[in-house]
Amino acid sequence: MNKKVAVQTATGQTYGKASEQRRAQQAMPIGASPADVAPSQGVAPGSLGAFNRPTERPTEPITAGVNFGDGPNAIQAGVNQPIRTEDAVLDRLKTIFEQYPNDELADLLDSYIRDGY
């Protein structure tokens, strides 16, 4: 469904703007309208069975795959953990600063970032 959309320009523009708009559309064509795009092939509503049906894993604890309770933790269950790119202390300082901004905390954050902690 790669339908090409005709180049269109707005009326009543200042001199040269319509040509600029036309060149921009030719360089980067407008995509198809949402009505022209095929619907996604997701799961059809109701196709997984009734919500209140019996469990398909009766021996698995409901807490399987989380880092508390019975069953395997997230790593053992193969659940990908988000990779932390920031330091927890820096995150905490930023949160506190957003709630209680002051010069001393700003200086602490600056030195923390500057010194590469």
N, C-alpha and C. Protein backbone atom coordinates (compact mmCIF):
# COMPACT_ATOMS: atom_id res chain seq x y z
N MET A 1 0.82 -1.19 0.00
CA MET A 1 0.00 0.00 0.00
C MET A 1 0.86 1.25 0.00
N ASN A 2 1.71 1.39 -0.95
CA ASN A 2 2.58 2.53 -1.02
C ASN A 2 1.98 3.55 -1.98
N LYS A 3 0.94 4.20 -1.54
CA LYS A 3 0.21 5.14 -2.36
C LYS A 3 0.88 6.51 -2.32
N LYS A 4 1.14 7.09 -3.47
CA LYS A 4 1.78 8.38 -3.54
C LYS A 4 0.73 9.48 -3.43
N VAL A 5 0.99 10.44 -2.56
CA VAL A 5 0.08 11.55 -2.34
C VAL A 5 0.53 12.71 -3.21
N ALA A 6 -0.43 13.35 -3.88
CA ALA A 6 -0.11 14.47 -4.76
C ALA A 6 0.42 15.66 -3.96
N VAL A 7 1.34 16.40 -4.58
CA VAL A 7 1.90 17.60 -3.94
C VAL A 7 0.81 18.65 -3.86
N GLN A 8 0.65 19.24 -2.68
CA GLN A 8 -0.35 20.28 -2.47
C GLN A 8 0.29 21.46 -1.76
N THR A 9 -0.17 22.66 -2.11
CA THR A 9 0.31 23.85 -1.44
C THR A 9 -0.87 24.66 -0.93
N ALA A 10 -0.63 25.40 0.13
CA ALA A 10 -1.68 26.25 0.69
C ALA A 10 -1.83 27.50 -0.18
N THR A 11 -3.04 28.02 -0.24
CA THR A 11 -3.28 29.24 -1.01
C THR A 11 -3.08 30.47 -0.13
N GLY A 12 -2.83 31.60 -0.76
CA GLY A 12 -2.71 32.86 -0.04
C GLY A 12 -1.38 33.05 0.67
N GLN A 13 -0.35 32.34 0.25
CA GLN A 13 0.95 32.48 0.89
C GLN A 13 1.71 33.65 0.28
N THR A 14 2.74 34.10 0.97
CA THR A 14 3.57 35.17 0.42
C THR A 14 4.39 34.62 -0.74
N TYR A 15 4.95 35.55 -1.52
CA TYR A 15 5.69 35.20 -2.72
C TYR A 15 6.81 34.21 -2.42
N GLY A 16 6.84 33.09 -3.17
CA GLY A 16 7.90 32.09 -3.08
C GLY A 16 7.63 30.98 -2.07
N LYS A 17 6.68 31.18 -1.18
CA LYS A 17 6.43 30.15 -0.16
C LYS A 17 5.80 28.90 -0.75
N ALA A 18 4.91 29.05 -1.74
CA ALA A 18 4.28 27.88 -2.35
C ALA A 18 5.33 27.02 -3.07
N SER A 19 6.26 27.67 -3.77
CA SER A 19 7.32 26.92 -4.45
C SER A 19 8.21 26.21 -3.44
N GLU A 20 8.51 26.88 -2.34
CA GLU A 20 9.32 26.28 -1.29
C GLU A 20 8.59 25.07 -0.69
N GLN A 21 7.30 25.22 -0.48
CA GLN A 21 6.50 24.13 0.06
C GLN A 21 6.45 22.95 -0.91
N ARG A 22 6.30 23.23 -2.20
CA ARG A 22 6.24 22.19 -3.22
C ARG A 22 7.57 21.43 -3.29
N ARG A 23 8.70 22.15 -3.24
CA ARG A 23 10.02 21.51 -3.28
C ARG A 23 10.23 20.63 -2.05
N ALA A 24 9.77 21.11 -0.90
CA ALA A 24 9.92 20.34 0.33
C ALA A 24 9.12 19.04 0.25
N GLN A 25 7.92 19.10 -0.31
CA GLN A 25 7.09 17.89 -0.44
C GLN A 25 7.67 16.92 -1.46
N GLN A 26 8.30 17.45 -2.49
CA GLN A 26 8.92 16.57 -3.48
C GLN A 26 10.16 15.89 -2.90
N ALA A 27 10.88 16.62 -2.04
CA ALA A 27 12.08 16.04 -1.42
C ALA A 27 11.70 15.00 -0.37
N MET A 28 10.62 15.26 0.36
CA MET A 28 10.16 14.35 1.41
C MET A 28 8.66 14.17 1.23
N PRO A 29 8.24 13.18 0.42
CA PRO A 29 6.83 13.01 0.11
C PRO A 29 5.99 12.76 1.36
N ILE A 30 4.76 13.21 1.31
CA ILE A 30 3.81 12.98 2.39
C ILE A 30 3.42 11.51 2.35
N GLY A 31 3.29 10.90 3.51
CA GLY A 31 2.92 9.50 3.60
C GLY A 31 1.45 9.28 3.33
N ALA A 32 1.06 8.03 3.28
CA ALA A 32 -0.34 7.68 3.04
C ALA A 32 -1.18 8.07 4.24
N SER A 33 -2.45 8.30 4.00
CA SER A 33 -3.35 8.65 5.09
C SER A 33 -3.60 7.40 5.93
N PRO A 34 -4.01 7.58 7.18
CA PRO A 34 -4.26 6.41 8.04
C PRO A 34 -5.29 5.45 7.45
N ALA A 35 -6.23 5.95 6.65
CA ALA A 35 -7.25 5.09 6.06
C ALA A 35 -6.64 4.16 5.01
N ASP A 36 -5.52 4.56 4.41
CA ASP A 36 -4.88 3.75 3.37
C ASP A 36 -3.95 2.67 3.95
N VAL A 37 -3.62 2.77 5.24
CA VAL A 37 -2.69 1.83 5.86
C VAL A 37 -3.46 0.59 6.30
N ALA A 38 -2.89 -0.57 6.03
CA ALA A 38 -3.55 -1.83 6.40
C ALA A 38 -3.60 -1.96 7.93
N PRO A 39 -4.68 -2.50 8.46
CA PRO A 39 -4.76 -2.68 9.91
C PRO A 39 -3.73 -3.70 10.40
N SER A 40 -3.28 -3.53 11.64
CA SER A 40 -2.29 -4.46 12.18
C SER A 40 -2.93 -5.83 12.41
N GLN A 41 -2.12 -6.85 12.39
CA GLN A 41 -2.59 -8.21 12.56
C GLN A 41 -2.40 -8.64 14.02
N GLY A 42 -2.93 -7.87 14.96
CA GLY A 42 -2.82 -8.18 16.37
C GLY A 42 -3.76 -9.29 16.77
N VAL A 43 -3.83 -9.54 18.05
CA VAL A 43 -4.71 -10.57 18.57
C VAL A 43 -6.14 -10.07 18.52
N ALA A 44 -7.02 -10.87 17.97
CA ALA A 44 -8.42 -10.48 17.87
C ALA A 44 -9.07 -10.54 19.25
N PRO A 45 -9.90 -9.55 19.58
CA PRO A 45 -10.56 -9.56 20.89
C PRO A 45 -11.34 -10.85 21.10
N GLY A 46 -11.17 -11.44 22.28
CA GLY A 46 -11.88 -12.66 22.63
C GLY A 46 -11.25 -13.94 22.13
N SER A 47 -10.17 -13.84 21.34
CA SER A 47 -9.57 -15.04 20.76
C SER A 47 -8.70 -15.82 21.74
N LEU A 48 -8.38 -15.22 22.88
CA LEU A 48 -7.55 -15.91 23.87
C LEU A 48 -8.38 -16.67 24.88
N GLY A 49 -9.68 -16.63 24.75
CA GLY A 49 -10.55 -17.34 25.68
C GLY A 49 -11.12 -16.39 26.72
N ALA A 50 -11.97 -16.92 27.57
CA ALA A 50 -12.62 -16.12 28.59
C ALA A 50 -11.60 -15.65 29.63
N PHE A 51 -11.79 -14.44 30.13
CA PHE A 51 -10.88 -13.88 31.12
C PHE A 51 -10.90 -14.69 32.41
N ASN A 52 -12.05 -15.23 32.75
CA ASN A 52 -12.18 -15.97 34.01
C ASN A 52 -11.99 -17.48 33.84
N ARG A 53 -11.34 -17.91 32.76
CA ARG A 53 -11.10 -19.34 32.55
C ARG A 53 -10.05 -19.83 33.54
N PRO A 54 -9.99 -21.14 33.78
CA PRO A 54 -8.98 -21.68 34.71
C PRO A 54 -7.56 -21.42 34.18
N THR A 55 -6.60 -21.36 35.09
CA THR A 55 -5.22 -21.09 34.71
C THR A 55 -4.65 -22.21 33.84
N GLU A 56 -3.75 -21.86 32.96
CA GLU A 56 -3.07 -22.83 32.13
C GLU A 56 -1.76 -23.29 32.77
N ARG A 57 -1.40 -22.67 33.90
CA ARG A 57 -0.18 -23.02 34.63
C ARG A 57 -0.50 -23.16 36.12
N PRO A 58 -1.19 -24.21 36.49
CA PRO A 58 -1.65 -24.34 37.88
C PRO A 58 -0.53 -24.49 38.91
N THR A 59 0.65 -24.96 38.50
CA THR A 59 1.73 -25.14 39.47
C THR A 59 2.65 -23.92 39.56
N GLU A 60 2.45 -22.91 38.73
CA GLU A 60 3.31 -21.74 38.73
C GLU A 60 2.73 -20.66 39.65
N PRO A 61 3.54 -20.15 40.58
CA PRO A 61 3.03 -19.09 41.46
C PRO A 61 2.73 -17.82 40.66
N ILE A 62 1.79 -17.05 41.15
CA ILE A 62 1.41 -15.82 40.46
C ILE A 62 2.56 -14.80 40.46
N THR A 63 3.51 -14.94 41.38
CA THR A 63 4.64 -14.02 41.46
C THR A 63 5.84 -14.49 40.65
N ALA A 64 5.69 -15.50 39.82
CA ALA A 64 6.80 -15.97 38.99
C ALA A 64 7.19 -14.85 38.00
N GLY A 65 8.49 -14.57 37.94
CA GLY A 65 8.99 -13.56 37.00
C GLY A 65 9.15 -12.17 37.60
N VAL A 66 8.81 -12.02 38.88
CA VAL A 66 9.04 -10.74 39.55
C VAL A 66 10.04 -10.96 40.68
N ASN A 67 10.62 -9.90 41.18
CA ASN A 67 11.69 -10.03 42.17
C ASN A 67 11.19 -10.06 43.61
N PHE A 68 10.05 -10.67 43.83
CA PHE A 68 9.55 -10.90 45.18
C PHE A 68 8.61 -12.09 45.14
N GLY A 69 8.38 -12.69 46.28
CA GLY A 69 7.44 -13.80 46.35
C GLY A 69 8.01 -15.11 45.84
N ASP A 70 7.13 -16.08 45.72
CA ASP A 70 7.52 -17.42 45.27
C ASP A 70 7.81 -17.46 43.78
N GLY A 71 8.51 -18.50 43.36
CA GLY A 71 8.79 -18.70 41.94
C GLY A 71 10.09 -18.07 41.51
N PRO A 72 10.46 -18.25 40.24
CA PRO A 72 11.72 -17.70 39.74
C PRO A 72 11.68 -16.17 39.72
N ASN A 73 12.85 -15.55 39.97
CA ASN A 73 12.90 -14.09 39.88
C ASN A 73 12.96 -13.68 38.40
N ALA A 74 13.05 -12.40 38.14
CA ALA A 74 12.99 -11.89 36.76
C ALA A 74 14.12 -12.44 35.90
N ILE A 75 15.32 -12.49 36.44
CA ILE A 75 16.46 -12.99 35.65
C ILE A 75 16.28 -14.47 35.34
N GLN A 76 15.86 -15.25 36.34
CA GLN A 76 15.66 -16.68 36.12
C GLN A 76 14.53 -16.94 35.13
N ALA A 77 13.53 -16.07 35.11
CA ALA A 77 12.41 -16.24 34.19
C ALA A 77 12.70 -15.69 32.80
N GLY A 78 13.86 -15.05 32.62
CA GLY A 78 14.23 -14.51 31.32
C GLY A 78 13.58 -13.18 31.00
N VAL A 79 13.11 -12.47 32.02
CA VAL A 79 12.52 -11.15 31.81
C VAL A 79 13.65 -10.14 31.73
N ASN A 80 13.71 -9.40 30.64
CA ASN A 80 14.78 -8.42 30.47
C ASN A 80 14.61 -7.27 31.45
N GLN A 81 15.67 -6.94 32.15
CA GLN A 81 15.67 -5.83 33.08
C GLN A 81 16.15 -4.58 32.36
N PRO A 82 15.56 -3.43 32.66
CA PRO A 82 16.05 -2.20 32.03
C PRO A 82 17.48 -1.92 32.49
N ILE A 83 18.27 -1.46 31.57
CA ILE A 83 19.67 -1.14 31.88
C ILE A 83 19.72 0.27 32.44
N ARG A 84 20.27 0.40 33.63
CA ARG A 84 20.37 1.72 34.26
C ARG A 84 21.62 2.40 33.73
N THR A 85 21.41 3.56 33.14
CA THR A 85 22.54 4.31 32.62
C THR A 85 22.96 5.42 33.56
N GLU A 86 22.14 5.72 34.55
CA GLU A 86 22.44 6.78 35.50
C GLU A 86 22.73 6.17 36.86
N ASP A 87 23.34 6.93 37.68
CA ASP A 87 23.65 6.54 39.04
C ASP A 87 22.42 6.77 39.92
N ALA A 88 22.14 5.85 40.83
CA ALA A 88 20.97 5.97 41.70
C ALA A 88 21.07 7.21 42.59
N VAL A 89 22.29 7.54 43.05
CA VAL A 89 22.45 8.73 43.89
C VAL A 89 22.13 9.99 43.09
N LEU A 90 22.61 10.04 41.87
CA LEU A 90 22.33 11.20 41.02
C LEU A 90 20.83 11.31 40.74
N ASP A 91 20.17 10.19 40.49
CA ASP A 91 18.72 10.20 40.30
C ASP A 91 18.01 10.76 41.52
N ARG A 92 18.44 10.31 42.70
CA ARG A 92 17.80 10.76 43.95
C ARG A 92 18.03 12.25 44.16
N LEU A 93 19.26 12.72 43.90
CA LEU A 93 19.55 14.14 44.06
C LEU A 93 18.71 14.99 43.11
N LYS A 94 18.55 14.54 41.89
CA LYS A 94 17.74 15.28 40.92
C LYS A 94 16.29 15.36 41.38
N THR A 95 15.77 14.24 41.90
CA THR A 95 14.39 14.21 42.38
C THR A 95 14.20 15.17 43.55
N ILE A 96 15.13 15.15 44.49
CA ILE A 96 15.04 16.05 45.64
C ILE A 96 15.14 17.50 45.18
N PHE A 97 16.03 17.77 44.23
CA PHE A 97 16.19 19.14 43.74
C PHE A 97 14.92 19.64 43.05
N GLU A 98 14.24 18.76 42.32
CA GLU A 98 12.99 19.16 41.68
C GLU A 98 11.93 19.52 42.71
N GLN A 99 11.94 18.82 43.85
CA GLN A 99 10.95 19.09 44.88
C GLN A 99 11.34 20.28 45.76
N TYR A 100 12.63 20.41 46.05
CA TYR A 100 13.11 21.46 46.94
C TYR A 100 14.33 22.16 46.33
N PRO A 101 14.13 22.95 45.27
CA PRO A 101 15.29 23.60 44.63
C PRO A 101 15.95 24.61 45.57
N ASN A 102 17.29 24.53 45.64
CA ASN A 102 18.06 25.51 46.40
C ASN A 102 19.48 25.54 45.86
N ASP A 103 20.21 26.59 46.19
CA ASP A 103 21.55 26.79 45.65
C ASP A 103 22.53 25.71 46.10
N GLU A 104 22.44 25.30 47.37
CA GLU A 104 23.37 24.30 47.89
C GLU A 104 23.21 22.96 47.16
N LEU A 105 21.97 22.56 46.94
CA LEU A 105 21.73 21.30 46.23
C LEU A 105 22.14 21.41 44.76
N ALA A 106 21.93 22.58 44.17
CA ALA A 106 22.37 22.80 42.79
C ALA A 106 23.89 22.67 42.69
N ASP A 107 24.62 23.24 43.67
CA ASP A 107 26.08 23.13 43.69
C ASP A 107 26.51 21.68 43.85
N LEU A 108 25.81 20.94 44.71
CA LEU A 108 26.14 19.53 44.92
C LEU A 108 25.92 18.74 43.63
N LEU A 109 24.82 18.99 42.96
CA LEU A 109 24.55 18.29 41.68
C LEU A 109 25.62 18.65 40.64
N ASP A 110 25.97 19.93 40.56
CA ASP A 110 27.00 20.35 39.60
C ASP A 110 28.32 19.65 39.87
N SER A 111 28.74 19.60 41.15
CA SER A 111 30.02 18.95 41.46
C SER A 111 29.94 17.45 41.22
N TYR A 112 28.79 16.86 41.51
CA TYR A 112 28.61 15.42 41.29
C TYR A 112 28.74 15.08 39.81
N ILE A 113 28.12 15.89 38.96
CA ILE A 113 28.18 15.67 37.52
C ILE A 113 29.56 16.01 36.97
N ARG A 114 30.12 17.13 37.42
CA ARG A 114 31.42 17.59 36.93
C ARG A 114 32.52 16.60 37.24
N ASP A 115 32.49 16.04 38.46
CA ASP A 115 33.54 15.12 38.87
C ASP A 115 33.33 13.70 38.35
N GLY A 116 32.22 13.47 37.65
CA GLY A 116 32.00 12.19 36.98
C GLY A 116 31.59 11.04 37.87
N TYR A 117 30.95 11.33 38.95
CA TYR A 117 30.50 10.26 39.85
C TYR A 117 29.29 9.58 39.29
